[in-house]
Protein backbone atom coordinates (compact mmCIF):
# COMPACT_ATOMS: atom_id res chain seq x y z
CA MET A 1 110.92 111.76 102.30
CA SER A 2 107.30 112.78 101.93
CA ILE A 3 105.34 109.53 101.89
CA SER A 4 102.87 109.24 104.73
CA LYS A 5 101.81 106.08 106.53
CA GLN A 6 98.30 106.75 105.26
CA GLU A 7 99.51 106.77 101.65
CA SER A 8 101.51 103.58 102.08
CA ASP A 9 98.56 101.81 103.75
CA LEU A 10 96.24 102.93 100.93
CA ALA A 11 98.67 101.63 98.33
CA PHE A 12 98.89 98.24 100.04
CA ALA A 13 95.12 98.06 100.34
CA HIS A 14 94.88 98.34 96.55
CA ILE A 15 97.60 95.73 96.10
CA LYS A 16 95.89 93.20 98.38
CA GLN A 17 92.68 93.42 96.32
CA ALA A 18 94.48 92.48 93.11
CA LYS A 19 94.00 89.26 91.22
CA ARG A 20 97.46 89.88 89.82
CA VAL A 21 100.09 92.59 90.32
CA VAL A 22 101.99 93.78 87.25
CA CYS A 23 105.10 95.86 87.90
CA VAL A 24 106.20 98.03 84.95
CA CYS A 25 109.26 100.25 84.50
CA HIS A 26 110.13 102.64 81.68
CA ARG A 27 111.54 101.37 78.41
CA ASN A 28 115.28 101.65 77.69
CA PRO A 29 115.75 100.86 81.39
CA ASP A 30 118.55 102.26 83.52
CA GLY A 31 119.77 101.02 86.89
CA ASP A 32 117.09 102.82 88.89
CA ALA A 33 114.27 101.45 86.73
CA ILE A 34 115.62 97.88 86.86
CA GLY A 35 116.50 98.07 90.54
CA ALA A 36 113.07 99.39 91.49
CA LEU A 37 111.30 96.84 89.28
CA LEU A 38 113.17 93.84 90.67
CA GLY A 39 113.24 95.12 94.24
CA MET A 40 109.49 95.78 94.27
CA GLY A 41 108.85 92.40 92.67
CA LEU A 42 110.83 90.59 95.36
CA LEU A 43 109.15 92.58 98.13
CA LEU A 44 105.68 91.74 96.82
CA GLU A 45 106.52 88.06 96.44
CA SER A 46 107.54 87.99 100.09
CA VAL A 47 104.27 89.50 101.39
CA LEU A 48 101.63 88.27 98.92
CA GLN A 49 100.66 84.64 99.39
CA ASP A 50 98.19 83.86 96.61
CA ILE A 51 98.67 86.80 94.22
CA GLU A 52 100.85 86.43 91.13
CA VAL A 53 103.50 89.11 90.56
CA VAL A 54 104.54 89.90 86.97
CA LEU A 55 107.58 91.99 85.98
CA HIS A 56 107.41 93.89 82.69
CA CYS A 57 109.78 96.05 80.66
CA LEU A 58 109.28 96.61 76.93
CA ASP A 59 113.00 96.74 76.11
CA PRO A 60 115.78 94.24 76.93
CA ILE A 61 117.64 94.51 80.21
CA PRO A 62 121.18 95.84 79.63
CA ASP A 63 123.92 93.28 80.23
CA THR A 64 125.30 95.52 82.99
CA PHE A 65 122.34 94.59 85.20
CA LYS A 66 122.11 90.89 84.36
CA PHE A 67 123.75 90.09 87.71
CA LEU A 68 120.65 91.16 89.64
CA PRO A 69 118.38 88.50 91.16
CA ASN A 70 115.21 87.57 89.20
CA VAL A 71 116.29 89.59 86.16
CA GLN A 72 115.50 86.56 83.99
CA LEU A 73 111.82 86.86 85.01
CA VAL A 74 111.28 90.25 83.37
CA GLN A 75 108.87 89.93 80.43
CA ASP A 76 108.75 92.16 77.35
CA SER A 77 105.05 91.56 76.68
CA CYS A 78 101.98 91.19 78.86
CA ALA A 79 98.28 90.44 78.28
CA PHE A 80 96.66 92.72 80.83
CA GLN A 81 93.61 91.28 82.55
CA LYS A 82 90.65 92.59 84.50
CA GLY A 83 91.59 92.68 88.15
CA ASP A 84 95.25 93.53 87.54
CA VAL A 85 96.82 96.19 89.72
CA LEU A 86 99.61 98.05 87.92
CA ILE A 87 102.67 99.41 89.72
CA PHE A 88 104.61 101.84 87.53
CA LEU A 89 108.21 102.40 88.59
CA ASP A 90 110.49 105.29 87.58
CA ALA A 91 108.17 106.30 84.71
CA ALA A 92 107.28 109.99 84.74
CA GLU A 93 104.50 109.62 82.18
CA PRO A 94 102.64 106.80 80.39
CA LYS A 95 104.51 107.13 77.08
CA LEU A 96 107.81 106.29 78.76
CA THR A 97 106.60 102.74 79.41
CA GLY A 98 105.93 102.24 75.70
CA LEU A 99 102.47 100.89 76.57
CA ASP A 100 100.40 104.03 76.09
CA ARG A 101 99.35 103.26 72.52
CA GLU A 102 98.78 99.51 72.55
CA HIS A 103 97.35 99.39 76.07
CA PRO A 104 95.91 102.86 76.86
CA GLU A 105 93.30 101.21 79.10
CA ILE A 106 95.83 100.50 81.86
CA PHE A 107 96.23 104.25 82.39
CA THR A 108 92.50 104.79 82.93
CA GLU A 109 90.13 104.20 85.81
CA ALA A 110 89.49 100.72 84.42
CA PHE A 111 92.66 99.61 86.23
CA SER A 112 93.86 100.37 89.72
CA SER A 113 97.44 101.62 89.60
CA ILE A 114 100.29 102.92 91.73
CA ASN A 115 102.91 105.34 90.41
CA ILE A 116 106.28 105.34 92.22
CA ASP A 117 108.66 107.95 90.86
CA HIS A 118 111.06 110.79 91.69
CA HIS A 119 110.92 112.93 88.55
CA PRO A 120 109.48 116.44 89.13
CA THR A 121 107.86 116.31 85.67
CA ASN A 122 105.74 113.28 86.65
CA SER A 123 102.18 113.71 85.34
CA ARG A 124 100.63 111.78 88.28
CA TYR A 125 98.63 109.54 85.99
CA ALA A 126 97.89 106.67 88.38
CA THR A 127 95.21 105.95 90.97
CA ILE A 128 97.78 106.46 93.73
CA ASN A 129 100.83 108.61 93.05
CA LEU A 130 103.83 108.18 95.33
CA VAL A 131 105.91 110.87 93.63
CA VAL A 132 108.78 112.36 95.63
CA PRO A 133 110.79 114.86 93.53
CA GLU A 134 113.35 115.43 96.28
CA ALA A 135 114.37 111.76 96.17
CA ALA A 136 117.51 111.00 94.16
CA SER A 137 116.06 107.74 92.86
CA SER A 138 112.84 105.76 92.67
CA CYS A 139 114.56 102.97 94.61
CA GLU A 140 114.75 105.31 97.61
CA ILE A 141 110.97 105.64 97.54
CA VAL A 142 110.56 101.87 97.41
CA VAL A 143 112.75 101.60 100.52
CA VAL A 144 110.60 104.13 102.38
CA LEU A 145 107.40 102.37 101.31
CA ALA A 146 108.74 99.01 102.47
CA ASP A 147 109.78 100.40 105.84
CA LEU A 148 106.42 102.11 106.40
CA LEU A 149 104.64 98.83 105.68
CA GLY A 150 107.05 96.75 107.77
CA TRP A 151 108.18 94.58 104.86
CA GLU A 152 111.31 92.50 105.38
CA MET A 153 114.38 93.63 103.45
CA THR A 154 116.48 90.66 102.31
CA SER A 155 119.98 90.76 100.84
CA ASP A 156 118.64 90.26 97.29
CA ILE A 157 116.07 93.04 97.66
CA ALA A 158 118.63 95.41 99.17
CA THR A 159 121.08 94.69 96.34
CA CYS A 160 118.47 95.55 93.69
CA LEU A 161 117.51 98.78 95.41
CA LEU A 162 121.08 99.86 96.15
CA THR A 163 121.85 99.43 92.44
CA GLY A 164 119.22 102.05 91.62
CA VAL A 165 120.51 104.44 94.27
CA TYR A 166 124.09 104.08 93.04
CA THR A 167 123.32 104.51 89.34
CA ASP A 168 121.09 107.57 89.76
CA THR A 169 123.69 109.29 91.94
CA GLY A 170 126.68 108.30 89.79
CA GLY A 171 128.12 106.15 92.56
CA LEU A 172 127.26 108.83 95.16
CA LEU A 173 129.20 111.46 93.19
CA HIS A 174 126.36 113.55 91.72
CA SER A 175 124.97 116.66 93.39
CA ASN A 176 121.73 114.83 94.25
CA THR A 177 123.63 112.77 96.85
CA THR A 178 122.04 114.14 100.01
CA ALA A 179 122.29 113.10 103.64
CA GLY A 180 119.07 111.17 103.06
CA VAL A 181 120.73 109.19 100.28
CA TYR A 182 123.53 108.16 102.62
CA ARG A 183 120.97 107.07 105.22
CA THR A 184 119.25 104.95 102.58
CA VAL A 185 122.57 103.40 101.55
CA ALA A 186 123.35 102.58 105.19
CA ARG A 187 119.89 101.05 105.59
CA LEU A 188 120.42 98.81 102.57
CA LEU A 189 123.94 97.81 103.58
CA ARG A 190 122.64 96.77 107.00
CA SER A 191 120.15 94.57 105.16
CA GLY A 192 122.92 92.80 103.28
CA ALA A 193 123.17 94.72 100.00
CA ARG A 194 126.12 93.32 98.05
CA GLN A 195 127.90 96.61 97.46
CA GLN A 196 131.06 95.32 95.80
CA GLU A 197 129.05 93.15 93.43
CA ILE A 198 127.21 96.29 92.31
CA VAL A 199 130.39 98.39 92.03
CA LYS A 200 132.15 95.72 89.94
CA ALA A 201 129.22 95.14 87.57
CA VAL A 202 128.13 98.76 87.12
CA PHE A 203 131.27 100.87 87.46
CA ARG A 204 134.28 98.60 86.87
CA THR A 205 133.15 96.38 84.01
CA ALA A 206 132.72 97.46 80.39
CA SER A 207 132.57 95.33 77.26
CA LEU A 208 134.84 96.04 74.31
CA SER A 209 131.84 97.22 72.28
CA THR A 210 130.91 99.70 75.03
CA LEU A 211 134.43 101.12 75.11
CA ARG A 212 134.44 101.45 71.33
CA LEU A 213 131.10 103.26 71.41
CA TRP A 214 132.24 105.61 74.15
CA GLY A 215 135.39 106.29 72.15
CA ARG A 216 133.22 107.53 69.30
CA VAL A 217 131.24 109.69 71.72
CA LEU A 218 134.42 111.35 72.98
CA GLU A 219 135.86 111.72 69.48
CA ASN A 220 132.71 113.49 68.28
CA ILE A 221 132.54 116.12 71.04
CA SER A 222 132.20 119.70 69.84
CA LEU A 223 131.84 122.89 71.88
CA THR A 224 129.21 125.53 71.17
CA ASP A 225 129.21 129.29 71.66
CA GLU A 226 126.41 128.77 74.22
CA GLY A 227 128.74 126.79 76.47
CA GLY A 228 127.59 123.34 75.53
CA ALA A 229 129.65 120.17 75.07
CA ILE A 230 127.77 118.17 72.44
CA SER A 231 128.36 114.78 70.90
CA ALA A 232 126.31 112.75 68.42
CA ILE A 233 126.08 109.02 67.73
CA THR A 234 124.49 107.65 64.57
CA GLU A 235 123.08 104.21 63.84
CA GLY A 236 126.32 103.68 61.92
CA ASP A 237 128.32 104.24 65.12
CA PHE A 238 126.28 101.63 66.96
CA LYS A 239 126.79 99.11 64.14
CA ALA A 240 130.51 99.83 63.77
CA SER A 241 131.16 99.40 67.49
CA GLY A 242 128.83 96.41 67.84
CA ALA A 243 127.09 98.14 70.73
CA HIS A 244 123.42 98.19 71.70
CA HIS A 245 121.68 101.51 72.40
CA SER A 246 121.62 100.70 76.12
CA GLN A 247 125.44 100.70 76.20
CA LEU A 248 125.46 104.46 75.69
CA THR A 249 124.40 104.86 79.34
CA GLY A 250 127.17 106.51 81.35
CA ALA A 251 128.96 108.17 78.43
CA ILE A 252 127.21 111.48 79.12
CA ASP A 253 129.15 111.83 82.39
CA TYR A 254 132.42 111.98 80.45
CA VAL A 255 131.07 114.58 78.04
CA ASN A 256 129.89 116.53 81.07
CA ALA A 257 133.46 116.57 82.40
CA VAL A 258 134.67 119.16 79.88
CA PRO A 259 135.79 122.15 82.01
CA GLY A 260 133.83 125.40 81.86
CA MET A 261 130.79 124.02 80.06
CA ARG A 262 127.27 125.10 81.01
CA PHE A 263 125.71 121.81 79.89
CA SER A 264 126.43 118.61 77.96
CA LEU A 265 124.31 116.82 75.37
CA ILE A 266 124.51 113.48 73.57
CA LEU A 267 122.27 112.97 70.55
CA SER A 268 121.79 109.38 69.36
CA GLU A 269 119.86 107.80 66.51
CA ARG A 270 117.54 104.94 67.44
CA GLY A 271 115.28 103.46 64.76
CA GLY A 272 113.90 106.62 63.22
CA MET A 273 114.15 108.59 66.47
CA VAL A 274 116.80 110.87 67.93
CA LYS A 275 117.24 110.67 71.68
CA GLY A 276 118.84 113.54 73.57
CA SER A 277 120.49 113.17 76.99
CA LEU A 278 121.29 116.39 78.86
CA ARG A 279 123.44 116.99 81.94
CA THR A 280 124.80 119.99 83.82
CA LEU A 281 126.93 120.58 86.90
CA ARG A 282 125.81 124.18 87.33
CA ASP A 283 123.10 125.51 89.62
CA ASP A 284 122.11 128.28 87.21
CA VAL A 285 121.25 125.89 84.34
CA ASP A 286 118.02 123.87 84.20
CA VAL A 287 118.35 121.10 81.62
CA ALA A 288 114.81 119.87 82.39
CA GLU A 289 113.56 123.20 81.06
CA MET A 290 115.73 122.74 77.98
CA ALA A 291 114.38 119.22 77.42
CA GLY A 292 110.84 120.52 77.90
CA LYS A 293 111.18 122.57 74.72
CA PHE A 294 111.33 119.24 72.87
CA SER A 295 108.50 117.60 74.87
CA GLY A 296 111.02 115.93 77.17
CA GLY A 297 111.69 116.29 80.86
CA GLY A 298 113.61 115.05 83.87
CA HIS A 299 115.52 116.79 86.64
CA LYS A 300 117.16 120.20 86.80
CA LYS A 301 120.60 118.66 86.28
CA ALA A 302 119.72 115.54 84.27
CA ALA A 303 117.05 115.34 81.58
CA GLY A 304 116.24 113.92 78.18
CA PHE A 305 113.97 114.05 75.16
CA SER A 306 113.11 112.12 71.98
CA LEU A 307 112.33 113.43 68.51
CA SER A 308 111.44 111.66 65.28
CA GLY A 309 114.09 112.00 62.59
CA SER A 310 117.77 111.35 61.99
CA LEU A 311 121.09 113.13 62.47
CA LYS A 312 122.83 115.06 59.70
CA PRO A 313 126.37 116.24 60.54
CA GLU A 314 127.51 119.64 59.25
CA VAL A 315 130.56 121.82 59.78
CA ARG A 316 131.07 125.59 59.64
CA TRP A 317 134.34 126.92 58.25
CA LYS A 318 135.50 130.47 58.88
CA VAL A 319 138.12 132.27 56.78
CA VAL A 320 140.01 134.99 58.67
CA GLU A 321 142.88 137.31 57.83
CA SER A 322 146.19 135.86 58.97
CA ALA A 323 147.26 139.21 60.43
CA ASN A 324 144.10 139.69 62.38
CA GLU A 325 142.18 136.55 63.26
CA ASP A 326 139.30 138.61 64.59
CA SER A 327 138.61 139.97 61.11
CA GLU A 328 136.23 137.58 59.45
CA ARG A 329 136.25 137.49 55.63
CA VAL A 330 133.71 134.83 54.69
CA VAL A 331 131.71 132.03 56.24
CA VAL A 332 131.01 128.82 54.35
CA GLU A 333 128.72 126.02 55.53
CA GLU A 334 128.97 122.59 53.93
CA PRO A 335 128.32 118.96 54.93
CA LEU A 336 131.19 116.97 56.37
CA ALA A 337 133.15 115.14 53.70
CA ASN A 338 132.98 111.91 55.68
CA GLU A 339 129.29 112.22 56.49
CA LYS A 340 127.90 108.91 57.75
């Protein structure tokens, strides 16, 4: 893990000069973003005596992660002040925080900032950039930073950070689960991380609305000639299932399970935007490059993008001779009869 003692000391020097420390994760938070946000917040509270620590995320915390300590302290708005030091967690670029338009000043030299992230597409926008692309999660980087600085790792802190490691590795099943990941897991378990609490909340509990939403995802899967397994979820699907957008997290892994596919994609409507989530199990496919064509990014095997617009379902019908199905007579394209 390529964070030096010099870098960690420099980061802490900036933190100690703050009048207030504001920790920020990306919007539409996943387990790694929430785990890193809460874990860093708890670490800072334990080492800073007279400096206030604020936790910020623009969007609501998914119910899946409501079991984590201090989750009730996360704020969805913040009046940034002179003297604040910003710590951005798991956010590859400013726009992912949702603060780039209303508060562009926090991404300038007017504010001291620290960027902790593992995405290779990170734009290194902060004063200090602790970006480690080979890490499987941002929580891993927080663990390394804490160890370099000699910060105590309590059971609550370890539980938050282990949540991020588990979610970004699919419960240690994804290909990014390296020997280093297992060492980090062992480190956190020794510090009292409540593993079974995480497993139950994240992997073995699902609300009825989540199951209904995922059912629609699976029902809508179609296969493309390019070797893609693609599903789409409209605003109508969210309303019909009673599910929030955040409950779509995890469904992509089931779409990605279709045998023989080169990649999987879920498209979902969200308030005038279409979000795309891409996954692949293959070494010869780079979904980050695919997402980059739509101004998105991520990792080689897991990436995403957002576009303005809405989804319009269509179907292609092919008429073939009954005696020879390879002989195509006519192709007709028309909207689905039950278009939502």
